[in-house]
Structures are given as C-alpha cells and as structure tokens.
Amino acid sequence: MNAVEIFKQLIGERLTPLIVKYEPYKDVFTTHPYRHIFDENFERNFTDVIFDSVMFYAYEKDEIEKEYNRGKLEDLRKAARVAYENRVPKTEKVADGLLGELTLDSFIKLFFPNIEMLYSRAKYMERIPYKEETAERKGHEIKGYDGMVFSIEDGQKYFWVGQAKTGYWEYCLSAIKDDINKSVIKYYFGDSMAILCDIMRAVSSASSELSKIIDDINDRIYDNINDRLSKIDSIIDYFKQGQIKIRIPCLLMPDESNYNDDAELLSIVKNKIHDAFKDFKIGNKDNLDVEILLLVYPLRDLKKVRELFLEVRKI
C-alpha cells in the first residue's frame, strides 16, 4: 500500500465515524462545512486519533511505507510517539498550532481524492543535542504553509498550500484572511517552493508528473542561484506557463457551543463565513492562479479538545 492508503486504513477508518460532512457550497469561496458527532467521548476519541496521525505529518511517504512494511505501525501509538519525539517541535502549549495543522493534514488526506503527499515540513527543523540530563523540549520547523500536497483532477494540476486557525470565531476569521494574503506574496510562495523542490529531489517515489515539476523548478533555481528575485520570478513564471493552480485550503476550527441543532449549526457557519468574506479582496498583485477552499469545522468544546490534546502529547 502507498502512504495515503496506509493513512486511510490506520487513521481514516477511526476519524471518519467522528466527522459529519455537509454538502460543500459556493459563496465568496467554496466552503466545506463539517461537524463532529454527538457523543460524550468525542473529545477524547478525536484527540487520540489526531495525535496518532502525527506519524503521517512528520514522516515522508517513503518512510511511512517502509515502517508499515516492517510492521512498526502495528502499535500506532508507539510509532506516533516516536515520530512526535523525534520530529515535532515541543512547544506544548494549549493554544499552539499543532492541533490545527494535524487536523488540516488529516482532512485533506481523508476527504479529498487523488492527492500526492509532498515533503514533511516537521522533519526539517532545528534540532540541537542536549548537553544535560534535563533540558527544555524545543525545535523550530521550517516556517511557511501548514500543509502541502499535490494533485491532478481532470487534467488540472494543483499545488495545495494550506493554512489552519483554531480559536474563537473572530480570531479564526481575521487571522485566516491574513494568512491567505500572506500565502500569495511572491517571496513567501517562491521561497516555499524552492525549499520544497530542493528537499523533494531526494524522493524517488513521486509520480512522473510531480517529478517533472520538481526537476523543472530545481533547474530554474540552478540557473538563477545568484539572484533571488530572478529565481522567484522564474518559479512563478513556471507555474503560470504550466497552468498549475495554487489551491489554498484554509481550516477553521472555531469554538461553537451551539451544537444542538444540525440545521442551526450550518446556518451559523454560513452566516459567519459570508459576513467575514463578503468584502474580502485577495492581495494577489502577482496574479497567481489561486483557488481558496474554506474547511470549517466548529468544535462544541474547544477548551476540552485542547486540554486533552496537550495531555496526550505529554504522556
């Protein structure tokens, strides 16, 4: 099995029963609403499976497939603990971004077909050997998008560069708009693609379509290594010439206590999203071919989810 199939078996089969999908709809942007099931154990079950998914967030696809074939994923919690300890920055704060990043990563892999995993951002973090028995757990991963995948749908090529926000509605909606505009700044996008393609040159299992894109962009980096502006302009020009669309999936996980009525919850989501984005203009001055997807997943008790997620990280 490939890495996405392994994910669906080990994570998807546990996560799917916890999530209810509404029909996507188009307002300012295409919006995919979700909710979770009404179950007293939801928060515990959700945080358990999301923590276990760290294996698929922190490891490369080749590593996942190798460890699966070696039988190391039979005890998935232990494998997740190893991945977390070795690969993930140890901020371990109630409101840090890992919960949202793992959920975004899992939702994309679970609910969107035909994706191809790109590199693990968490793998390439600063790690310094400890000089003493007790030391602060820390590390800094490559900054940038919260998730990256590649897909081809009906002949159209997509690079997915995701963002995630968790918190109160007001924070999520305001912060995600800032992240959308940040995502289409040419230096931010171009530098992220340069990092990605440099790392992905070592991956041997990419599809022929993805491998060609990686090789082509690395050639442009090679030809413009002494001029950052020319390098970034060349990368952006490649995306335009190849008609490769930049898809930005934005996961919002707001706290929403009004969870008693299905129709009312959906109405809240639609009203909040419409009011937040009706006058929003993307600052896309470099005219990148961008598509925004809003993934909206309210939680009835975000505080409890955060506390349980922090608890499982520290065990």
C-alpha atoms as a PDB file:
ATOM      1  CA  MET A   1       0.000   0.000   0.000  1.00  0.00           C
ATOM      2  CA  ASN A   2       1.092   3.561  -0.571  1.00  0.00           C
ATOM      3  CA  ALA A   3       1.275   6.153   2.193  1.00  0.00           C
ATOM      4  CA  VAL A   4      -2.175   7.651   1.552  1.00  0.00           C
ATOM      5  CA  GLU A   5      -3.778   4.184   1.579  1.00  0.00           C
ATOM      6  CA  ILE A   6      -1.975   3.363   4.832  1.00  0.00           C
ATOM      7  CA  PHE A   7      -3.257   6.633   6.288  1.00  0.00           C
ATOM      8  CA  LYS A   8      -6.835   5.822   5.317  1.00  0.00           C
ATOM      9  CA  GLN A   9      -6.581   2.387   6.908  1.00  0.00           C
ATOM     10  CA  LEU A  10      -4.947   3.424  10.189  1.00  0.00           C
ATOM     11  CA  ILE A  11      -6.351   6.936  10.667  1.00  0.00           C
ATOM     12  CA  GLY A  12      -9.232   7.373   8.235  1.00  0.00           C
ATOM     13  CA  GLU A  13     -11.197   4.381   9.493  1.00  0.00           C
ATOM     14  CA  ARG A  14     -11.095   5.857  13.008  1.00  0.00           C
ATOM     15  CA  LEU A  15     -11.606   9.505  12.078  1.00  0.00           C
ATOM     16  CA  THR A  16     -14.430   9.137   9.534  1.00  0.00           C
ATOM     17  CA  PRO A  17     -17.050   7.932  12.075  1.00  0.00           C
ATOM     18  CA  LEU A  18     -16.365  11.034  14.198  1.00  0.00           C
ATOM     19  CA  ILE A  19     -16.998  13.565  11.404  1.00  0.00           C
ATOM     20  CA  VAL A  20     -20.201  14.588   9.622  1.00  0.00           C
ATOM     21  CA  LYS A  21     -19.776  16.259   6.223  1.00  0.00           C
ATOM     22  CA  TYR A  22     -22.242  18.818   4.965  1.00  0.00           C
ATOM     23  CA  GLU A  23     -22.568  19.455   1.241  1.00  0.00           C
ATOM     24  CA  PRO A  24     -19.963  21.956   0.019  1.00  0.00           C
ATOM     25  CA  TYR A  25     -21.392  25.234  -1.204  1.00  0.00           C
ATOM     26  CA  LYS A  26     -20.107  28.276  -3.080  1.00  0.00           C
ATOM     27  CA  ASP A  27     -20.347  31.746  -1.549  1.00  0.00           C
ATOM     28  CA  VAL A  28     -17.377  34.070  -1.920  1.00  0.00           C
ATOM     29  CA  PHE A  29     -15.211  30.936  -1.811  1.00  0.00           C
ATOM     30  CA  THR A  30     -16.063  27.249  -1.992  1.00  0.00           C
ATOM     31  CA  THR A  31     -16.812  26.203   1.569  1.00  0.00           C
ATOM     32  CA  HIS A  32     -16.725  22.687   3.016  1.00  0.00           C
ATOM     33  CA  PRO A  33     -18.603  22.605   6.347  1.00  0.00           C
ATOM     34  CA  TYR A  34     -18.138  19.767   8.835  1.00  0.00           C
ATOM     35  CA  ARG A  35     -19.302  18.974  12.320  1.00  0.00           C
ATOM     36  CA  HIS A  36     -18.480  16.224  14.769  1.00  0.00           C
ATOM     37  CA  ILE A  37     -20.802  13.551  16.111  1.00  0.00           C
ATOM     38  CA  PHE A  38     -22.872  13.965  19.272  1.00  0.00           C
ATOM     39  CA  ASP A  39     -21.027  11.654  21.625  1.00  0.00           C
ATOM     40  CA  GLU A  40     -19.821  12.159  25.174  1.00  0.00           C
ATOM     41  CA  ASN A  41     -16.468  10.579  24.318  1.00  0.00           C
ATOM     42  CA  PHE A  42     -15.905  12.569  21.135  1.00  0.00           C
ATOM     43  CA  GLU A  43     -13.218  14.897  22.509  1.00  0.00           C
ATOM     44  CA  ARG A  44     -11.101  12.017  23.823  1.00  0.00           C
ATOM     45  CA  ASN A  45     -11.520   9.896  20.686  1.00  0.00           C
ATOM     46  CA  PHE A  46     -10.785  12.830  18.395  1.00  0.00           C
ATOM     47  CA  THR A  47      -7.608  13.912  20.177  1.00  0.00           C
ATOM     48  CA  ASP A  48      -6.370  10.315  20.287  1.00  0.00           C
ATOM     49  CA  VAL A  49      -6.701   9.792  16.539  1.00  0.00           C
ATOM     50  CA  ILE A  50      -5.341  13.242  15.685  1.00  0.00           C
ATOM     51  CA  PHE A  51      -2.259  12.619  17.826  1.00  0.00           C
ATOM     52  CA  ASP A  52      -1.737   9.230  16.168  1.00  0.00           C
ATOM     53  CA  SER A  53      -1.873  10.971  12.780  1.00  0.00           C
ATOM     54  CA  VAL A  54       1.384  12.775  13.626  1.00  0.00           C
ATOM     55  CA  MET A  55       3.163   9.807  12.071  1.00  0.00           C
ATOM     56  CA  PHE A  56       1.759  10.821   8.684  1.00  0.00           C
ATOM     57  CA  TYR A  57       2.520  14.503   9.241  1.00  0.00           C
ATOM     58  CA  ALA A  58       6.114  14.107  10.399  1.00  0.00           C
ATOM     59  CA  TYR A  59       7.365  11.306   8.134  1.00  0.00           C
ATOM     60  CA  GLU A  60       7.976  11.242   4.403  1.00  0.00           C
ATOM     61  CA  LYS A  61       5.817   8.940   2.297  1.00  0.00           C
ATOM     62  CA  ASP A  62       8.770   6.581   1.717  1.00  0.00           C
ATOM     63  CA  GLU A  63       9.381   6.371   5.456  1.00  0.00           C
ATOM     64  CA  ILE A  64       5.717   5.623   6.165  1.00  0.00           C
ATOM     65  CA  GLU A  65       5.632   2.820   3.616  1.00  0.00           C
ATOM     66  CA  LYS A  66       8.903   1.357   4.894  1.00  0.00           C
ATOM     67  CA  GLU A  67       7.806   1.395   8.548  1.00  0.00           C
ATOM     68  CA  TYR A  68       4.440  -0.121   7.613  1.00  0.00           C
ATOM     69  CA  ASN A  69       6.104  -2.961   5.702  1.00  0.00           C
ATOM     70  CA  ARG A  70       8.439  -3.560   8.665  1.00  0.00           C
ATOM     71  CA  GLY A  71       5.438  -3.939  10.970  1.00  0.00           C
ATOM     72  CA  LYS A  72       6.326  -0.855  13.019  1.00  0.00           C
ATOM     73  CA  LEU A  73       2.853   0.665  12.652  1.00  0.00           C
ATOM     74  CA  GLU A  74       1.087  -2.259  14.308  1.00  0.00           C
ATOM     75  CA  ASP A  75       1.453  -0.304  17.553  1.00  0.00           C
ATOM     76  CA  LEU A  76       0.446   3.024  16.057  1.00  0.00           C
ATOM     77  CA  ARG A  77       0.528   4.941  19.336  1.00  0.00           C
ATOM     78  CA  LYS A  78       4.125   3.921  19.906  1.00  0.00           C
ATOM     79  CA  ALA A  79       5.031   4.836  16.321  1.00  0.00           C
ATOM     80  CA  ALA A  80       3.274   8.186  16.745  1.00  0.00           C
ATOM     81  CA  ARG A  81       5.157   8.800  19.988  1.00  0.00           C
ATOM     82  CA  VAL A  82       8.480   8.124  18.246  1.00  0.00           C
ATOM     83  CA  ALA A  83       7.554  10.450  15.379  1.00  0.00           C
ATOM     84  CA  TYR A  84       6.443  13.145  17.800  1.00  0.00           C
ATOM     85  CA  GLU A  85       9.546  12.915  19.972  1.00  0.00           C
ATOM     86  CA  ASN A  86      11.963  12.885  17.038  1.00  0.00           C
ATOM     87  CA  ARG A  87      10.353  15.196  14.520  1.00  0.00           C
ATOM     88  CA  VAL A  88       7.933  17.708  16.035  1.00  0.00           C
ATOM     89  CA  PRO A  89       8.810  20.972  17.834  1.00  0.00           C
ATOM     90  CA  LYS A  90       7.971  20.744  21.536  1.00  0.00           C
ATOM     91  CA  THR A  91       6.133  23.997  22.142  1.00  0.00           C
ATOM     92  CA  GLU A  92       3.452  22.049  24.037  1.00  0.00           C
ATOM     93  CA  LYS A  93       1.160  24.975  24.754  1.00  0.00           C
ATOM     94  CA  VAL A  94      -2.608  24.659  24.996  1.00  0.00           C
ATOM     95  CA  ALA A  95      -3.128  27.027  22.071  1.00  0.00           C
ATOM     96  CA  ASP A  96      -0.166  26.181  19.827  1.00  0.00           C
ATOM     97  CA  GLY A  97      -0.807  25.344  16.188  1.00  0.00           C
ATOM     98  CA  LEU A  98      -0.149  21.604  16.064  1.00  0.00           C
ATOM     99  CA  LEU A  99      -3.774  20.557  16.660  1.00  0.00           C
ATOM    100  CA  GLY A 100      -4.972  22.579  13.676  1.00  0.00           C
ATOM    101  CA  GLU A 101      -2.071  21.531  11.456  1.00  0.00           C
ATOM    102  CA  LEU A 102      -2.644  17.822  12.103  1.00  0.00           C
ATOM    103  CA  THR A 103      -6.394  18.185  11.579  1.00  0.00           C
ATOM    104  CA  LEU A 104      -5.882  20.040   8.295  1.00  0.00           C
ATOM    105  CA  ASP A 105      -3.411  17.394   7.157  1.00  0.00           C
ATOM    106  CA  SER A 106      -5.848  14.611   8.063  1.00  0.00           C
ATOM    107  CA  PHE A 107      -8.890  16.260   6.470  1.00  0.00           C
ATOM    108  CA  ILE A 108      -7.084  16.802   3.161  1.00  0.00           C
ATOM    109  CA  LYS A 109      -5.866  13.208   3.038  1.00  0.00           C
ATOM    110  CA  LEU A 110      -9.240  11.818   4.081  1.00  0.00           C
ATOM    111  CA  PHE A 111     -11.804  13.931   2.241  1.00  0.00           C
ATOM    112  CA  PHE A 112     -10.035  14.925  -0.985  1.00  0.00           C
ATOM    113  CA  PRO A 113      -9.125  12.210  -3.512  1.00  0.00           C
ATOM    114  CA  ASN A 114      -6.122  11.831  -5.802  1.00  0.00           C
ATOM    115  CA  ILE A 115      -3.678  13.792  -3.654  1.00  0.00           C
ATOM    116  CA  GLU A 116       0.041  13.099  -3.575  1.00  0.00           C
ATOM    117  CA  MET A 117       1.968  13.807  -0.385  1.00  0.00           C
ATOM    118  CA  LEU A 118       4.835  16.273  -0.552  1.00  0.00           C
ATOM    119  CA  TYR A 119       7.608  16.737   1.969  1.00  0.00           C
ATOM    120  CA  SER A 120       7.218  16.725   5.734  1.00  0.00           C
ATOM    121  CA  ARG A 121       7.908  20.237   6.964  1.00  0.00           C
ATOM    122  CA  ALA A 122       8.369  18.984  10.519  1.00  0.00           C
ATOM    123  CA  LYS A 123      11.298  16.777   9.529  1.00  0.00           C
ATOM    124  CA  TYR A 124      13.466  19.740   8.627  1.00  0.00           C
ATOM    125  CA  MET A 125      13.582  21.546  11.938  1.00  0.00           C
ATOM    126  CA  GLU A 126      16.431  22.814  14.025  1.00  0.00           C
ATOM    127  CA  ARG A 127      17.496  20.117  16.462  1.00  0.00           C
ATOM    128  CA  ILE A 128      20.323  20.586  18.935  1.00  0.00           C
ATOM    129  CA  PRO A 129      21.732  17.737  21.074  1.00  0.00           C
ATOM    130  CA  TYR A 130      21.110  18.192  24.782  1.00  0.00           C
ATOM    131  CA  LYS A 131      24.151  18.964  26.946  1.00  0.00           C
ATOM    132  CA  GLU A 132      22.492  17.981  30.205  1.00  0.00           C
ATOM    133  CA  GLU A 133      20.027  15.457  31.578  1.00  0.00           C
ATOM    134  CA  THR A 134      17.114  17.869  31.782  1.00  0.00           C
ATOM    135  CA  ALA A 135      16.576  20.418  29.062  1.00  0.00           C
ATOM    136  CA  GLU A 136      13.715  22.347  27.564  1.00  0.00           C
ATOM    137  CA  ARG A 137      11.968  20.500  24.743  1.00  0.00           C
ATOM    138  CA  LYS A 138      12.143  22.704  21.693  1.00  0.00           C
ATOM    139  CA  GLY A 139      12.849  22.900  17.985  1.00  0.00           C
ATOM    140  CA  HIS A 140      11.826  25.083  15.097  1.00  0.00           C
ATOM    141  CA  GLU A 141      10.452  23.640  11.892  1.00  0.00           C
ATOM    142  CA  ILE A 142      10.638  25.325   8.524  1.00  0.00           C
ATOM    143  CA  LYS A 143       8.178  28.190   8.659  1.00  0.00           C
ATOM    144  CA  GLY A 144       5.548  28.505   5.998  1.00  0.00           C
ATOM    145  CA  TYR A 145       2.387  26.751   4.964  1.00  0.00           C
ATOM    146  CA  ASP A 146       0.630  24.405   7.388  1.00  0.00           C
ATOM    147  CA  GLY A 147       0.260  21.643   4.807  1.00  0.00           C
ATOM    148  CA  MET A 148       1.401  20.882   1.253  1.00  0.00           C
ATOM    149  CA  VAL A 149       0.138  18.255  -1.211  1.00  0.00           C
ATOM    150  CA  PHE A 150      -0.087  17.810  -4.990  1.00  0.00           C
ATOM    151  CA  SER A 151      -2.992  16.572  -7.080  1.00  0.00           C
ATOM    152  CA  ILE A 152      -4.253  16.239 -10.641  1.00  0.00           C
ATOM    153  CA  GLU A 153      -8.002  16.497 -11.209  1.00  0.00           C
ATOM    154  CA  ASP A 154      -9.451  16.181 -14.708  1.00  0.00           C
ATOM    155  CA  GLY A 155      -6.090  17.149 -16.164  1.00  0.00           C
ATOM    156  CA  GLN A 156      -5.688  20.233 -13.944  1.00  0.00           C
ATOM    157  CA  LYS A 157      -2.561  20.270 -11.742  1.00  0.00           C
ATOM    158  CA  TYR A 158      -2.830  21.675  -8.221  1.00  0.00           C
ATOM    159  CA  PHE A 159      -0.294  22.551  -5.568  1.00  0.00           C
ATOM    160  CA  TRP A 160      -2.064  22.696  -2.206  1.00  0.00           C
ATOM    161  CA  VAL A 161      -0.601  25.112   0.332  1.00  0.00           C
ATOM    162  CA  GLY A 162      -2.754  25.012   3.451  1.00  0.00           C
ATOM    163  CA  GLN A 163      -3.343  27.206   6.471  1.00  0.00           C
ATOM    164  CA  ALA A 164      -5.128  26.416   9.746  1.00  0.00           C
ATOM    165  CA  LYS A 165      -6.578  28.534  12.555  1.00  0.00           C
ATOM    166  CA  THR A 166      -8.136  27.414  15.830  1.00  0.00           C
ATOM    167  CA  GLY A 167      -9.840  29.586  18.459  1.00  0.00           C
ATOM    168  CA  TYR A 168     -12.766  31.964  18.763  1.00  0.00           C
ATOM    169  CA  TRP A 169     -14.708  32.739  15.592  1.00  0.00           C
ATOM    170  CA  GLU A 170     -13.413  36.314  15.457  1.00  0.00           C
ATOM    171  CA  TYR A 171      -9.783  35.223  15.718  1.00  0.00           C
ATOM    172  CA  CYS A 172     -10.116  32.406  13.169  1.00  0.00           C
ATOM    173  CA  LEU A 173     -11.808  34.581  10.569  1.00  0.00           C
ATOM    174  CA  SER A 174      -9.475  37.545  10.974  1.00  0.00           C
ATOM    175  CA  ALA A 175      -6.266  35.513  11.120  1.00  0.00           C
ATOM    176  CA  ILE A 176      -7.106  33.279   8.170  1.00  0.00           C
ATOM    177  CA  LYS A 177      -7.619  36.317   5.940  1.00  0.00           C
ATOM    178  CA  ASP A 178      -4.135  37.500   6.888  1.00  0.00           C
ATOM    179  CA  ASP A 179      -2.769  34.038   6.081  1.00  0.00           C
ATOM    180  CA  ILE A 180      -4.495  33.944   2.683  1.00  0.00           C
ATOM    181  CA  ASN A 181      -2.865  37.216   1.701  1.00  0.00           C
ATOM    182  CA  LYS A 182       0.482  36.058   3.076  1.00  0.00           C
ATOM    183  CA  SER A 183       0.203  32.874   1.012  1.00  0.00           C
ATOM    184  CA  VAL A 184       0.131  34.749  -2.290  1.00  0.00           C
ATOM    185  CA  ILE A 185       3.071  37.082  -1.603  1.00  0.00           C
ATOM    186  CA  LYS A 186       5.527  36.089  -4.302  1.00  0.00           C
ATOM    187  CA  TYR A 187       8.548  35.899  -1.994  1.00  0.00           C
ATOM    188  CA  TYR A 188       6.667  33.759   0.527  1.00  0.00           C
ATOM    189  CA  PHE A 189       5.351  31.437  -2.170  1.00  0.00           C
ATOM    190  CA  GLY A 190       8.545  31.347  -4.224  1.00  0.00           C
ATOM    191  CA  ASP A 191      10.828  30.646  -1.274  1.00  0.00           C
ATOM    192  CA  SER A 192       8.486  27.896  -0.047  1.00  0.00           C
ATOM    193  CA  MET A 193       8.541  26.240  -3.480  1.00  0.00           C
ATOM    194  CA  ALA A 194      12.344  26.483  -3.595  1.00  0.00           C
ATOM    195  CA  ILE A 195      12.621  24.749  -0.204  1.00  0.00           C
ATOM    196  CA  LEU A 196      10.086  22.111  -1.251  1.00  0.00           C
ATOM    197  CA  CYS A 197      11.736  21.262  -4.557  1.00  0.00           C
ATOM    198  CA  ASP A 198      15.224  21.129  -3.073  1.00  0.00           C
ATOM    199  CA  ILE A 199      14.028  18.622  -0.479  1.00  0.00           C
ATOM    200  CA  MET A 200      11.892  16.630  -2.924  1.00  0.00           C
ATOM    201  CA  ARG A 201      14.820  15.998  -5.293  1.00  0.00           C
ATOM    202  CA  ALA A 202      15.771  13.112  -2.968  1.00  0.00           C
ATOM    203  CA  VAL A 203      12.324  11.460  -3.134  1.00  0.00           C
ATOM    204  CA  SER A 204      12.275   8.560  -5.578  1.00  0.00           C
ATOM    205  CA  SER A 205       8.604   7.564  -5.382  1.00  0.00           C
ATOM    206  CA  ALA A 206       6.967  10.726  -6.720  1.00  0.00           C
ATOM    207  CA  SER A 207       4.702  10.419  -9.752  1.00  0.00           C
ATOM    208  CA  SER A 208       6.128  11.281 -13.164  1.00  0.00           C
ATOM    209  CA  GLU A 209       4.050  14.484 -13.266  1.00  0.00           C
ATOM    210  CA  LEU A 210       5.272  15.673  -9.872  1.00  0.00           C
ATOM    211  CA  SER A 211       8.868  14.607 -10.560  1.00  0.00           C
ATOM    212  CA  LYS A 212       8.928  16.707 -13.733  1.00  0.00           C
ATOM    213  CA  ILE A 213       7.669  19.787 -11.873  1.00  0.00           C
ATOM    214  CA  ILE A 214      10.291  19.312  -9.152  1.00  0.00           C
ATOM    215  CA  ASP A 215      13.101  18.852 -11.689  1.00  0.00           C
ATOM    216  CA  ASP A 216      11.975  21.832 -13.756  1.00  0.00           C
ATOM    217  CA  ILE A 217      11.824  24.147 -10.738  1.00  0.00           C
ATOM    218  CA  ASN A 218      15.203  22.921  -9.476  1.00  0.00           C
ATOM    219  CA  ASP A 219      16.630  23.732 -12.920  1.00  0.00           C
ATOM    220  CA  ARG A 220      15.292  27.278 -12.592  1.00  0.00           C
ATOM    221  CA  ILE A 221      16.808  27.586  -9.126  1.00  0.00           C
ATOM    222  CA  TYR A 222      20.139  26.384 -10.559  1.00  0.00           C
ATOM    223  CA  ASP A 223      20.011  28.931 -13.372  1.00  0.00           C
ATOM    224  CA  ASN A 224      19.210  31.825 -11.016  1.00  0.00           C
ATOM    225  CA  ILE A 225      21.079  30.868  -7.858  1.00  0.00           C
ATOM    226  CA  ASN A 226      22.822  34.257  -7.517  1.00  0.00           C
ATOM    227  CA  ASP A 227      19.699  36.389  -7.917  1.00  0.00           C
ATOM    228  CA  ARG A 228      16.827  35.767  -5.504  1.00  0.00           C
ATOM    229  CA  LEU A 229      14.364  37.990  -7.358  1.00  0.00           C
ATOM    230  CA  SER A 230      15.077  36.311 -10.695  1.00  0.00           C
ATOM    231  CA  LYS A 231      14.805  32.895  -9.059  1.00  0.00           C
ATOM    232  CA  ILE A 232      11.401  33.642  -7.550  1.00  0.00           C
ATOM    233  CA  ASP A 233      10.111  35.308 -10.722  1.00  0.00           C
ATOM    234  CA  SER A 234      11.216  32.255 -12.693  1.00  0.00           C
ATOM    235  CA  ILE A 235       9.390  29.894 -10.311  1.00  0.00           C
ATOM    236  CA  ILE A 236       6.201  31.943 -10.518  1.00  0.00           C
ATOM    237  CA  ASP A 237       6.523  32.117 -14.307  1.00  0.00           C
ATOM    238  CA  TYR A 238       6.799  28.312 -14.381  1.00  0.00           C
ATOM    239  CA  PHE A 239       3.516  27.951 -12.515  1.00  0.00           C
ATOM    240  CA  LYS A 240       1.844  30.359 -14.933  1.00  0.00           C
ATOM    241  CA  GLN A 241       3.252  28.724 -18.067  1.00  0.00           C
ATOM    242  CA  GLY A 242       2.326  25.260 -16.809  1.00  0.00           C
ATOM    243  CA  GLN A 243      -1.145  26.435 -15.764  1.00  0.00           C
ATOM    244  CA  ILE A 244      -0.600  24.945 -12.310  1.00  0.00           C
ATOM    245  CA  LYS A 245      -3.250  26.178  -9.929  1.00  0.00           C
ATOM    246  CA  ILE A 246      -2.368  27.097  -6.345  1.00  0.00           C
ATOM    247  CA  ARG A 247      -5.073  25.750  -4.080  1.00  0.00           C
ATOM    248  CA  ILE A 248      -5.173  27.177  -0.562  1.00  0.00           C
ATOM    249  CA  PRO A 249      -7.249  25.021   1.809  1.00  0.00           C
ATOM    250  CA  CYS A 250      -7.964  27.005   4.968  1.00  0.00           C
ATOM    251  CA  LEU A 251      -9.121  25.046   8.003  1.00  0.00           C
ATOM    252  CA  LEU A 252     -11.098  26.972  10.604  1.00  0.00           C
ATOM    253  CA  MET A 253     -11.722  25.222  13.936  1.00  0.00           C
ATOM    254  CA  PRO A 254     -13.773  27.736  15.933  1.00  0.00           C
ATOM    255  CA  ASP A 255     -15.268  27.184  19.358  1.00  0.00           C
ATOM    256  CA  GLU A 256     -19.057  26.891  18.919  1.00  0.00           C
ATOM    257  CA  SER A 257     -21.224  25.858  21.870  1.00  0.00           C
ATOM    258  CA  ASN A 258     -24.479  25.990  19.866  1.00  0.00           C
ATOM    259  CA  TYR A 259     -24.291  22.363  18.779  1.00  0.00           C
ATOM    260  CA  ASN A 260     -27.793  21.083  19.488  1.00  0.00           C
ATOM    261  CA  ASP A 261     -29.411  21.540  16.087  1.00  0.00           C
ATOM    262  CA  ASP A 262     -27.852  20.422  12.811  1.00  0.00           C
ATOM    263  CA  ALA A 263     -29.584  22.988  10.609  1.00  0.00           C
ATOM    264  CA  GLU A 264     -28.897  25.817  13.044  1.00  0.00           C
ATOM    265  CA  LEU A 265     -25.195  24.968  13.210  1.00  0.00           C
ATOM    266  CA  LEU A 266     -24.949  25.022   9.425  1.00  0.00           C
ATOM    267  CA  SER A 267     -26.774  28.359   9.372  1.00  0.00           C
ATOM    268  CA  ILE A 268     -24.272  29.784  11.879  1.00  0.00           C
ATOM    269  CA  VAL A 269     -21.381  28.632   9.692  1.00  0.00           C
ATOM    270  CA  LYS A 270     -22.865  30.127   6.526  1.00  0.00           C
ATOM    271  CA  ASN A 271     -23.651  33.462   8.172  1.00  0.00           C
ATOM    272  CA  LYS A 272     -20.229  33.770   9.830  1.00  0.00           C
ATOM    273  CA  ILE A 273     -18.379  32.907   6.625  1.00  0.00           C
ATOM    274  CA  HIS A 274     -20.488  35.189   4.445  1.00  0.00           C
ATOM    275  CA  ASP A 275     -20.155  38.190   6.758  1.00  0.00           C
ATOM    276  CA  ALA A 276     -16.396  37.697   7.100  1.00  0.00           C
ATOM    277  CA  PHE A 277     -15.594  37.348   3.394  1.00  0.00           C
ATOM    278  CA  LYS A 278     -18.268  39.330   1.533  1.00  0.00           C
ATOM    279  CA  ASP A 279     -15.972  42.354   1.154  1.00  0.00           C
ATOM    280  CA  PHE A 280     -12.653  40.493   1.260  1.00  0.00           C
ATOM    281  CA  LYS A 281     -10.212  41.067  -1.582  1.00  0.00           C
ATOM    282  CA  ILE A 282      -7.162  38.873  -2.040  1.00  0.00           C
ATOM    283  CA  GLY A 283      -3.989  40.927  -2.333  1.00  0.00           C
ATOM    284  CA  ASN A 284      -2.798  38.899  -5.314  1.00  0.00           C
ATOM    285  CA  LYS A 285      -0.766  41.569  -7.097  1.00  0.00           C
ATOM    286  CA  ASP A 286       1.384  38.983  -8.896  1.00  0.00           C
ATOM    287  CA  ASN A 287      -1.721  37.395 -10.433  1.00  0.00           C
ATOM    288  CA  LEU A 288      -1.070  33.859  -9.246  1.00  0.00           C
ATOM    289  CA  ASP A 289      -3.752  31.362 -10.271  1.00  0.00           C
ATOM    290  CA  VAL A 290      -5.252  30.868  -6.822  1.00  0.00           C
ATOM    291  CA  GLU A 291      -8.245  28.901  -5.566  1.00  0.00           C
ATOM    292  CA  ILE A 292      -9.394  29.258  -1.947  1.00  0.00           C
ATOM    293  CA  LEU A 293     -11.147  26.409  -0.134  1.00  0.00           C
ATOM    294  CA  LEU A 294     -12.622  27.035   3.309  1.00  0.00           C
ATOM    295  CA  LEU A 295     -12.869  23.964   5.534  1.00  0.00           C
ATOM    296  CA  VAL A 296     -14.997  24.918   8.544  1.00  0.00           C
ATOM    297  CA  TYR A 297     -15.091  22.517  11.482  1.00  0.00           C
ATOM    298  CA  PRO A 298     -16.647  24.002  14.649  1.00  0.00           C
ATOM    299  CA  LEU A 299     -15.977  22.246  17.954  1.00  0.00           C
ATOM    300  CA  ARG A 300     -18.521  22.261  20.753  1.00  0.00           C
ATOM    301  CA  ASP A 301     -15.804  22.314  23.434  1.00  0.00           C
ATOM    302  CA  LEU A 302     -12.520  23.566  22.019  1.00  0.00           C
ATOM    303  CA  LYS A 303     -11.081  24.076  25.505  1.00  0.00           C
ATOM    304  CA  LYS A 304     -11.525  20.384  26.337  1.00  0.00           C
ATOM    305  CA  VAL A 305     -10.095  19.272  22.993  1.00  0.00           C
ATOM    306  CA  ARG A 306      -7.024  21.440  23.512  1.00  0.00           C
ATOM    307  CA  GLU A 307      -6.502  20.190  27.062  1.00  0.00           C
ATOM    308  CA  LEU A 308      -6.816  16.537  26.058  1.00  0.00           C
ATOM    309  CA  PHE A 309      -4.519  17.036  23.083  1.00  0.00           C
ATOM    310  CA  LEU A 310      -1.888  18.624  25.309  1.00  0.00           C
ATOM    311  CA  GLU A 311      -2.313  15.761  27.776  1.00  0.00           C
ATOM    312  CA  VAL A 312      -1.686  13.058  25.173  1.00  0.00           C
ATOM    313  CA  ARG A 313       1.372  14.931  23.885  1.00  0.00           C
ATOM    314  CA  LYS A 314       2.955  14.971  27.345  1.00  0.00           C
ATOM    315  CA  ILE A 315       2.332  11.349  28.325  1.00  0.00           C
END
